Amino acid sequence: MIRLIATDLDGTLLHPGGVLSDRTRATLEAVDADVVVVTARPPRYVEDLALTGTAICANGAMIYDLANREVLEAQTVPLDIVRKVAEALAEVIPDVGIAVETGLEVLGEPRFQGFGPNNPHRTLELLDHVFDEAHQVVQMLAWAPDAEADHLMEIAAEAVGQHVTVTHSGGIGLLDISPPGVSKASALESLCRARGISKEEVIAFGDMPNDLSVLGWAGTAYAMGNAHPRVKQACSNHAPPNTEDGVAQIIEQLFRL
């Protein structure tokens, strides 16, 4: 029996452009199970989708109550580790730009150009200014122009993996860097334990390497038809692509909606 549905957003639940289709919204509202969004995105992005329930944000660093718009739990990267990681990445990745997610906003140095106009962030004059203004860091972001994300992740993990968790969600040259031991799976496991839900009662959907931890943990896991090759290889179950409401299709079949 499935009691909880854990789903990524971009490339999984949402159509291109961050659109939640009417079919998918209706399916999530009709299903008799907890629906938990598990995303690299911060809470403010998930709020705009007008979903209810719980969201695991910043790749597991934040657990957010969507109904009450309240952070239930936040795990942070100590500021001395943020500085150490930034310095180490600068040594191994040419022209790397650093930004930090505070839970309220993204602060970046001028070299960080990893976001387009639809993902606003505040650029500060120097990286030291970023460190000075970031009272807490739930996630670091590292960006290198024209870099291939898988290769970049390998370099960064070797350089700083003893201090933080390194992954990526598909952006060109963009890395997601979380507190040590923090992942989508660790946050989901904690949430399920509190609700008395076993991993065998969880179904998960994802498309990118940052989803691998939760896809590997859940009792049932689906890679999207548009997923990264590593994700498809890791999952025996494949859903139709996000452009075809793949998550909704599988839920409709399993729950006979």
C-alpha atoms as a PDB file:
ATOM      1  CA  MET A   1       0.000   0.000   0.000  1.00  0.00           C
ATOM      2  CA  ILE A   2       1.355   3.398  -0.999  1.00  0.00           C
ATOM      3  CA  ARG A   3       0.877   6.036   1.689  1.00  0.00           C
ATOM      4  CA  LEU A   4       3.247   8.748   0.476  1.00  0.00           C
ATOM      5  CA  ILE A   5       4.189  10.117  -2.949  1.00  0.00           C
ATOM      6  CA  ALA A   6       7.546  11.927  -3.122  1.00  0.00           C
ATOM      7  CA  THR A   7       8.106  13.901  -6.289  1.00  0.00           C
ATOM      8  CA  ASP A   8      10.741  16.203  -7.682  1.00  0.00           C
ATOM      9  CA  LEU A   9       9.527  19.353  -9.443  1.00  0.00           C
ATOM     10  CA  ASP A  10      11.570  20.547 -12.433  1.00  0.00           C
ATOM     11  CA  GLY A  11      11.738  17.931 -15.165  1.00  0.00           C
ATOM     12  CA  THR A  12       9.469  15.628 -13.170  1.00  0.00           C
ATOM     13  CA  LEU A  13       6.166  17.010 -11.910  1.00  0.00           C
ATOM     14  CA  LEU A  14       6.285  20.276 -13.868  1.00  0.00           C
ATOM     15  CA  HIS A  15       6.170  21.021 -17.559  1.00  0.00           C
ATOM     16  CA  PRO A  16       8.980  23.143 -19.048  1.00  0.00           C
ATOM     17  CA  GLY A  17       8.810  26.684 -17.729  1.00  0.00           C
ATOM     18  CA  GLY A  18       7.788  25.491 -14.268  1.00  0.00           C
ATOM     19  CA  VAL A  19       4.132  24.912 -15.190  1.00  0.00           C
ATOM     20  CA  LEU A  20       1.936  22.580 -13.134  1.00  0.00           C
ATOM     21  CA  SER A  21      -0.665  21.227 -15.554  1.00  0.00           C
ATOM     22  CA  ASP A  22      -4.359  21.043 -14.729  1.00  0.00           C
ATOM     23  CA  ARG A  23      -4.275  17.252 -15.100  1.00  0.00           C
ATOM     24  CA  THR A  24      -1.410  16.832 -12.642  1.00  0.00           C
ATOM     25  CA  ARG A  25      -2.932  19.247 -10.124  1.00  0.00           C
ATOM     26  CA  ALA A  26      -6.265  17.411 -10.250  1.00  0.00           C
ATOM     27  CA  THR A  27      -4.514  14.051  -9.813  1.00  0.00           C
ATOM     28  CA  LEU A  28      -2.577  15.223  -6.755  1.00  0.00           C
ATOM     29  CA  GLU A  29      -5.771  16.572  -5.207  1.00  0.00           C
ATOM     30  CA  ALA A  30      -7.667  13.342  -5.844  1.00  0.00           C
ATOM     31  CA  VAL A  31      -5.108  10.789  -4.674  1.00  0.00           C
ATOM     32  CA  ASP A  32      -5.524   9.178  -1.252  1.00  0.00           C
ATOM     33  CA  ALA A  33      -1.915   9.557  -0.083  1.00  0.00           C
ATOM     34  CA  ASP A  34       0.406  12.189   1.327  1.00  0.00           C
ATOM     35  CA  VAL A  35       2.113  14.164  -1.438  1.00  0.00           C
ATOM     36  CA  VAL A  36       5.545  15.543  -0.579  1.00  0.00           C
ATOM     37  CA  VAL A  37       7.485  17.748  -2.962  1.00  0.00           C
ATOM     38  CA  VAL A  38      11.211  16.944  -2.829  1.00  0.00           C
ATOM     39  CA  THR A  39      13.181  19.607  -4.678  1.00  0.00           C
ATOM     40  CA  ALA A  40      16.414  21.570  -4.929  1.00  0.00           C
ATOM     41  CA  ARG A  41      14.288  24.695  -5.048  1.00  0.00           C
ATOM     42  CA  PRO A  42      13.755  26.951  -2.005  1.00  0.00           C
ATOM     43  CA  PRO A  43      10.356  27.305  -0.304  1.00  0.00           C
ATOM     44  CA  ARG A  44       9.489  30.603  -2.023  1.00  0.00           C
ATOM     45  CA  TYR A  45       9.505  28.865  -5.409  1.00  0.00           C
ATOM     46  CA  VAL A  46       7.236  26.039  -4.239  1.00  0.00           C
ATOM     47  CA  GLU A  47       4.806  28.525  -2.685  1.00  0.00           C
ATOM     48  CA  ASP A  48       4.114  29.981  -6.126  1.00  0.00           C
ATOM     49  CA  LEU A  49       2.695  26.631  -7.264  1.00  0.00           C
ATOM     50  CA  ALA A  50      -0.156  26.851  -4.724  1.00  0.00           C
ATOM     51  CA  LEU A  51       0.355  23.279  -3.535  1.00  0.00           C
ATOM     52  CA  THR A  52      -0.538  22.020  -0.067  1.00  0.00           C
ATOM     53  CA  GLY A  53       1.154  19.632   2.324  1.00  0.00           C
ATOM     54  CA  THR A  54       4.878  19.406   2.960  1.00  0.00           C
ATOM     55  CA  ALA A  55       7.844  20.345   0.797  1.00  0.00           C
ATOM     56  CA  ILE A  56      11.417  19.150   1.235  1.00  0.00           C
ATOM     57  CA  CYS A  57      13.471  21.999  -0.201  1.00  0.00           C
ATOM     58  CA  ALA A  58      17.116  22.856  -0.944  1.00  0.00           C
ATOM     59  CA  ASN A  59      17.912  19.187  -1.607  1.00  0.00           C
ATOM     60  CA  GLY A  60      16.868  18.147   1.888  1.00  0.00           C
ATOM     61  CA  ALA A  61      18.199  21.053   3.934  1.00  0.00           C
ATOM     62  CA  MET A  62      14.734  22.484   4.611  1.00  0.00           C
ATOM     63  CA  ILE A  63      11.368  20.950   5.498  1.00  0.00           C
ATOM     64  CA  TYR A  64       8.548  23.390   4.823  1.00  0.00           C
ATOM     65  CA  ASP A  65       4.851  23.449   5.735  1.00  0.00           C
ATOM     66  CA  LEU A  66       3.144  24.805   2.608  1.00  0.00           C
ATOM     67  CA  ALA A  67      -0.242  25.396   4.262  1.00  0.00           C
ATOM     68  CA  ASN A  68       1.140  27.539   7.082  1.00  0.00           C
ATOM     69  CA  ARG A  69       4.153  28.829   5.126  1.00  0.00           C
ATOM     70  CA  GLU A  70       6.451  27.811   7.927  1.00  0.00           C
ATOM     71  CA  VAL A  71       9.942  26.310   8.004  1.00  0.00           C
ATOM     72  CA  LEU A  72       9.696  23.205  10.164  1.00  0.00           C
ATOM     73  CA  GLU A  73      13.372  22.297  10.016  1.00  0.00           C
ATOM     74  CA  ALA A  74      16.527  23.765   8.480  1.00  0.00           C
ATOM     75  CA  GLN A  75      20.036  22.339   8.342  1.00  0.00           C
ATOM     76  CA  THR A  76      22.832  24.727   7.521  1.00  0.00           C
ATOM     77  CA  VAL A  77      26.419  24.758   6.313  1.00  0.00           C
ATOM     78  CA  PRO A  78      28.630  26.447   8.943  1.00  0.00           C
ATOM     79  CA  LEU A  79      30.021  29.702   7.588  1.00  0.00           C
ATOM     80  CA  ASP A  80      33.629  28.618   8.134  1.00  0.00           C
ATOM     81  CA  ILE A  81      32.929  25.554   5.982  1.00  0.00           C
ATOM     82  CA  VAL A  82      31.292  27.767   3.338  1.00  0.00           C
ATOM     83  CA  ARG A  83      34.512  29.791   3.106  1.00  0.00           C
ATOM     84  CA  LYS A  84      36.686  26.671   3.072  1.00  0.00           C
ATOM     85  CA  VAL A  85      34.624  25.062   0.307  1.00  0.00           C
ATOM     86  CA  ALA A  86      34.627  28.232  -1.792  1.00  0.00           C
ATOM     87  CA  GLU A  87      38.410  28.492  -1.518  1.00  0.00           C
ATOM     88  CA  ALA A  88      38.918  24.821  -2.368  1.00  0.00           C
ATOM     89  CA  LEU A  89      36.652  24.988  -5.423  1.00  0.00           C
ATOM     90  CA  ALA A  90      38.469  28.077  -6.688  1.00  0.00           C
ATOM     91  CA  GLU A  91      41.663  26.018  -6.730  1.00  0.00           C
ATOM     92  CA  VAL A  92      40.281  23.174  -8.851  1.00  0.00           C
ATOM     93  CA  ILE A  93      37.601  24.816 -11.043  1.00  0.00           C
ATOM     94  CA  PRO A  94      38.698  27.726 -13.259  1.00  0.00           C
ATOM     95  CA  ASP A  95      36.479  30.833 -13.148  1.00  0.00           C
ATOM     96  CA  VAL A  96      34.061  29.264 -10.671  1.00  0.00           C
ATOM     97  CA  GLY A  97      31.367  31.556  -9.291  1.00  0.00           C
ATOM     98  CA  ILE A  98      29.839  31.024  -5.848  1.00  0.00           C
ATOM     99  CA  ALA A  99      26.387  31.832  -4.501  1.00  0.00           C
ATOM    100  CA  VAL A 100      24.549  30.847  -1.328  1.00  0.00           C
ATOM    101  CA  GLU A 101      20.912  30.119  -0.576  1.00  0.00           C
ATOM    102  CA  THR A 102      19.927  31.504   2.813  1.00  0.00           C
ATOM    103  CA  GLY A 103      16.389  30.153   2.796  1.00  0.00           C
ATOM    104  CA  LEU A 104      15.080  33.646   2.051  1.00  0.00           C
ATOM    105  CA  GLU A 105      17.185  34.637  -0.957  1.00  0.00           C
ATOM    106  CA  VAL A 106      20.213  33.790  -3.096  1.00  0.00           C
ATOM    107  CA  LEU A 107      23.309  35.926  -2.669  1.00  0.00           C
ATOM    108  CA  GLY A 108      25.989  35.659  -5.330  1.00  0.00           C
ATOM    109  CA  GLU A 109      29.329  37.098  -6.282  1.00  0.00           C
ATOM    110  CA  PRO A 110      29.670  38.789  -9.718  1.00  0.00           C
ATOM    111  CA  ARG A 111      31.234  35.687 -11.311  1.00  0.00           C
ATOM    112  CA  PHE A 112      28.165  33.619 -10.458  1.00  0.00           C
ATOM    113  CA  GLN A 113      25.984  33.699 -13.581  1.00  0.00           C
ATOM    114  CA  GLY A 114      24.217  30.404 -13.091  1.00  0.00           C
ATOM    115  CA  PHE A 115      20.731  31.855 -13.016  1.00  0.00           C
ATOM    116  CA  GLY A 116      18.714  33.437 -15.799  1.00  0.00           C
ATOM    117  CA  PRO A 117      16.189  36.278 -15.491  1.00  0.00           C
ATOM    118  CA  ASN A 118      13.486  33.893 -14.230  1.00  0.00           C
ATOM    119  CA  ASN A 119      15.655  32.949 -11.246  1.00  0.00           C
ATOM    120  CA  PRO A 120      16.490  36.288  -9.637  1.00  0.00           C
ATOM    121  CA  HIS A 121      19.239  36.601  -7.095  1.00  0.00           C
ATOM    122  CA  ARG A 122      21.113  39.438  -5.462  1.00  0.00           C
ATOM    123  CA  THR A 123      24.639  40.040  -6.716  1.00  0.00           C
ATOM    124  CA  LEU A 124      27.100  41.545  -4.262  1.00  0.00           C
ATOM    125  CA  GLU A 125      30.360  43.242  -5.144  1.00  0.00           C
ATOM    126  CA  LEU A 126      32.718  40.715  -3.570  1.00  0.00           C
ATOM    127  CA  LEU A 127      32.514  37.135  -2.345  1.00  0.00           C
ATOM    128  CA  ASP A 128      33.420  38.401   1.128  1.00  0.00           C
ATOM    129  CA  HIS A 129      30.259  40.521   1.038  1.00  0.00           C
ATOM    130  CA  VAL A 130      28.254  37.377   0.302  1.00  0.00           C
ATOM    131  CA  PHE A 131      29.748  35.733   3.371  1.00  0.00           C
ATOM    132  CA  ASP A 132      29.126  38.835   5.475  1.00  0.00           C
ATOM    133  CA  GLU A 133      25.416  39.078   4.561  1.00  0.00           C
ATOM    134  CA  ALA A 134      24.597  35.369   4.707  1.00  0.00           C
ATOM    135  CA  HIS A 135      23.499  34.859   8.303  1.00  0.00           C
ATOM    136  CA  GLN A 136      22.795  31.210   7.462  1.00  0.00           C
ATOM    137  CA  VAL A 137      23.484  29.010   4.436  1.00  0.00           C
ATOM    138  CA  VAL A 138      21.197  26.078   3.662  1.00  0.00           C
ATOM    139  CA  GLN A 139      22.824  25.447   0.297  1.00  0.00           C
ATOM    140  CA  MET A 140      25.809  26.633  -1.704  1.00  0.00           C
ATOM    141  CA  LEU A 141      25.741  26.958  -5.482  1.00  0.00           C
ATOM    142  CA  ALA A 142      28.815  26.767  -7.678  1.00  0.00           C
ATOM    143  CA  TRP A 143      28.780  27.653 -11.376  1.00  0.00           C
ATOM    144  CA  ALA A 144      31.410  27.328 -14.056  1.00  0.00           C
ATOM    145  CA  PRO A 145      30.716  28.584 -17.602  1.00  0.00           C
ATOM    146  CA  ASP A 146      30.304  25.877 -20.247  1.00  0.00           C
ATOM    147  CA  ALA A 147      31.269  23.096 -17.814  1.00  0.00           C
ATOM    148  CA  GLU A 148      29.637  19.674 -18.074  1.00  0.00           C
ATOM    149  CA  ALA A 149      27.773  19.142 -14.811  1.00  0.00           C
ATOM    150  CA  ASP A 150      28.621  15.448 -14.291  1.00  0.00           C
ATOM    151  CA  HIS A 151      32.347  16.049 -14.717  1.00  0.00           C
ATOM    152  CA  LEU A 152      32.175  19.169 -12.559  1.00  0.00           C
ATOM    153  CA  MET A 153      30.432  17.208  -9.812  1.00  0.00           C
ATOM    154  CA  GLU A 154      33.211  14.602  -9.791  1.00  0.00           C
ATOM    155  CA  ILE A 155      35.899  17.283  -9.443  1.00  0.00           C
ATOM    156  CA  ALA A 156      34.046  19.101  -6.671  1.00  0.00           C
ATOM    157  CA  ALA A 157      33.185  15.936  -4.745  1.00  0.00           C
ATOM    158  CA  GLU A 158      36.833  14.923  -4.675  1.00  0.00           C
ATOM    159  CA  ALA A 159      37.925  18.389  -3.541  1.00  0.00           C
ATOM    160  CA  VAL A 160      35.289  19.134  -0.878  1.00  0.00           C
ATOM    161  CA  GLY A 161      33.279  15.942  -0.371  1.00  0.00           C
ATOM    162  CA  GLN A 162      34.666  15.515   3.124  1.00  0.00           C
ATOM    163  CA  HIS A 163      32.988  18.785   4.161  1.00  0.00           C
ATOM    164  CA  VAL A 164      29.703  18.884   2.196  1.00  0.00           C
ATOM    165  CA  THR A 165      27.352  16.910  -0.065  1.00  0.00           C
ATOM    166  CA  VAL A 166      27.775  17.706  -3.775  1.00  0.00           C
ATOM    167  CA  THR A 167      25.198  16.977  -6.476  1.00  0.00           C
ATOM    168  CA  HIS A 168      23.502  18.647  -9.436  1.00  0.00           C
ATOM    169  CA  SER A 169      20.019  19.037 -10.852  1.00  0.00           C
ATOM    170  CA  GLY A 170      20.838  19.399 -14.526  1.00  0.00           C
ATOM    171  CA  GLY A 171      21.870  23.019 -14.939  1.00  0.00           C
ATOM    172  CA  ILE A 172      24.815  23.603 -17.270  1.00  0.00           C
ATOM    173  CA  GLY A 173      27.856  23.879 -15.037  1.00  0.00           C
ATOM    174  CA  LEU A 174      25.737  24.364 -11.908  1.00  0.00           C
ATOM    175  CA  LEU A 175      26.367  22.403  -8.711  1.00  0.00           C
ATOM    176  CA  ASP A 176      24.175  22.096  -5.613  1.00  0.00           C
ATOM    177  CA  ILE A 177      26.201  21.865  -2.380  1.00  0.00           C
ATOM    178  CA  SER A 178      24.415  20.856   0.819  1.00  0.00           C
ATOM    179  CA  PRO A 179      25.350  20.380   4.478  1.00  0.00           C
ATOM    180  CA  PRO A 180      27.268  17.140   5.121  1.00  0.00           C
ATOM    181  CA  GLY A 181      25.048  14.086   5.218  1.00  0.00           C
ATOM    182  CA  VAL A 182      22.050  16.032   3.954  1.00  0.00           C
ATOM    183  CA  SER A 183      20.156  14.756   0.923  1.00  0.00           C
ATOM    184  CA  LYS A 184      16.625  14.470  -0.339  1.00  0.00           C
ATOM    185  CA  ALA A 185      16.577  10.925   1.016  1.00  0.00           C
ATOM    186  CA  SER A 186      17.782  11.829   4.510  1.00  0.00           C
ATOM    187  CA  ALA A 187      15.061  14.458   4.871  1.00  0.00           C
ATOM    188  CA  LEU A 188      12.352  12.200   3.464  1.00  0.00           C
ATOM    189  CA  GLU A 189      13.387   9.329   5.720  1.00  0.00           C
ATOM    190  CA  SER A 190      13.158  11.615   8.757  1.00  0.00           C
ATOM    191  CA  LEU A 191       9.738  12.880   7.686  1.00  0.00           C
ATOM    192  CA  CYS A 192       8.416   9.380   7.081  1.00  0.00           C
ATOM    193  CA  ARG A 193       9.726   8.142  10.425  1.00  0.00           C
ATOM    194  CA  ALA A 194       7.820  10.932  12.181  1.00  0.00           C
ATOM    195  CA  ARG A 195       4.635   9.927  10.343  1.00  0.00           C
ATOM    196  CA  GLY A 196       5.039   6.192  10.905  1.00  0.00           C
ATOM    197  CA  ILE A 197       5.471   5.499   7.207  1.00  0.00           C
ATOM    198  CA  SER A 198       7.918   2.846   6.029  1.00  0.00           C
ATOM    199  CA  LYS A 199       9.987   3.199   2.869  1.00  0.00           C
ATOM    200  CA  GLU A 200       8.009   0.312   1.357  1.00  0.00           C
ATOM    201  CA  GLU A 201       4.947   2.578   1.532  1.00  0.00           C
ATOM    202  CA  VAL A 202       6.673   5.364  -0.463  1.00  0.00           C
ATOM    203  CA  ILE A 203       6.728   5.912  -4.213  1.00  0.00           C
ATOM    204  CA  ALA A 204       9.212   8.437  -5.617  1.00  0.00           C
ATOM    205  CA  PHE A 205       9.635  10.206  -8.954  1.00  0.00           C
ATOM    206  CA  GLY A 206      12.725  12.019 -10.250  1.00  0.00           C
ATOM    207  CA  ASP A 207      14.855  12.895 -13.242  1.00  0.00           C
ATOM    208  CA  MET A 208      18.290  14.164 -12.176  1.00  0.00           C
ATOM    209  CA  PRO A 209      21.338  13.009 -10.132  1.00  0.00           C
ATOM    210  CA  ASN A 210      20.158  14.933  -7.067  1.00  0.00           C
ATOM    211  CA  ASP A 211      17.117  12.615  -7.075  1.00  0.00           C
ATOM    212  CA  LEU A 212      19.167   9.416  -6.938  1.00  0.00           C
ATOM    213  CA  SER A 213      19.286   9.277  -3.142  1.00  0.00           C
ATOM    214  CA  VAL A 214      15.525   9.412  -2.732  1.00  0.00           C
ATOM    215  CA  LEU A 215      14.887   7.081  -5.676  1.00  0.00           C
ATOM    216  CA  GLY A 216      17.263   4.583  -4.109  1.00  0.00           C
ATOM    217  CA  TRP A 217      15.583   4.848  -0.705  1.00  0.00           C
ATOM    218  CA  ALA A 218      11.903   4.655  -1.663  1.00  0.00           C
ATOM    219  CA  GLY A 219      10.211   1.285  -1.903  1.00  0.00           C
ATOM    220  CA  THR A 220       9.029   2.101  -5.432  1.00  0.00           C
ATOM    221  CA  ALA A 221      10.904   4.479  -7.714  1.00  0.00           C
ATOM    222  CA  TYR A 222      10.221   5.859 -11.179  1.00  0.00           C
ATOM    223  CA  ALA A 223      12.672   7.614 -13.466  1.00  0.00           C
ATOM    224  CA  MET A 224      11.018  10.028 -15.846  1.00  0.00           C
ATOM    225  CA  GLY A 225      11.165   9.325 -19.579  1.00  0.00           C
ATOM    226  CA  ASN A 226      13.233  12.510 -19.934  1.00  0.00           C
ATOM    227  CA  ALA A 227      15.577  11.617 -17.054  1.00  0.00           C
ATOM    228  CA  HIS A 228      19.363  11.783 -16.908  1.00  0.00           C
ATOM    229  CA  PRO A 229      20.938   8.510 -18.159  1.00  0.00           C
ATOM    230  CA  ARG A 230      22.265   7.665 -14.679  1.00  0.00           C
ATOM    231  CA  VAL A 231      18.763   8.014 -13.233  1.00  0.00           C
ATOM    232  CA  LYS A 232      17.214   5.805 -15.902  1.00  0.00           C
ATOM    233  CA  GLN A 233      19.887   3.199 -15.288  1.00  0.00           C
ATOM    234  CA  ALA A 234      19.247   3.259 -11.538  1.00  0.00           C
ATOM    235  CA  CYS A 235      15.491   2.670 -11.819  1.00  0.00           C
ATOM    236  CA  SER A 236      13.742  -0.371 -13.264  1.00  0.00           C
ATOM    237  CA  ASN A 237      10.490   1.616 -13.513  1.00  0.00           C
ATOM    238  CA  HIS A 238      10.203   4.410 -16.073  1.00  0.00           C
ATOM    239  CA  ALA A 239       7.361   6.938 -16.254  1.00  0.00           C
ATOM    240  CA  PRO A 240       6.366   8.897 -19.352  1.00  0.00           C
ATOM    241  CA  PRO A 241       8.190  12.258 -19.648  1.00  0.00           C
ATOM    242  CA  ASN A 242       7.168  15.330 -17.701  1.00  0.00           C
ATOM    243  CA  THR A 243       5.771  16.918 -20.878  1.00  0.00           C
ATOM    244  CA  GLU A 244       3.190  14.126 -20.953  1.00  0.00           C
ATOM    245  CA  ASP A 245       2.207  14.405 -17.261  1.00  0.00           C
ATOM    246  CA  GLY A 246       4.148  11.232 -16.512  1.00  0.00           C
ATOM    247  CA  VAL A 247       3.752  11.449 -12.730  1.00  0.00           C
ATOM    248  CA  ALA A 248      -0.005  11.909 -13.066  1.00  0.00           C
ATOM    249  CA  GLN A 249      -0.246   8.973 -15.478  1.00  0.00           C
ATOM    250  CA  ILE A 250       1.472   6.580 -13.075  1.00  0.00           C
ATOM    251  CA  ILE A 251      -0.539   7.781 -10.069  1.00  0.00           C
ATOM    252  CA  GLU A 252      -3.800   7.421 -12.018  1.00  0.00           C
ATOM    253  CA  GLN A 253      -2.869   3.840 -12.907  1.00  0.00           C
ATOM    254  CA  LEU A 254      -1.705   2.789  -9.445  1.00  0.00           C
ATOM    255  CA  PHE A 255      -4.590   4.406  -7.563  1.00  0.00           C
ATOM    256  CA  ARG A 256      -7.171   3.662 -10.289  1.00  0.00           C
ATOM    257  CA  LEU A 257      -8.215   7.292 -10.531  1.00  0.00           C
END
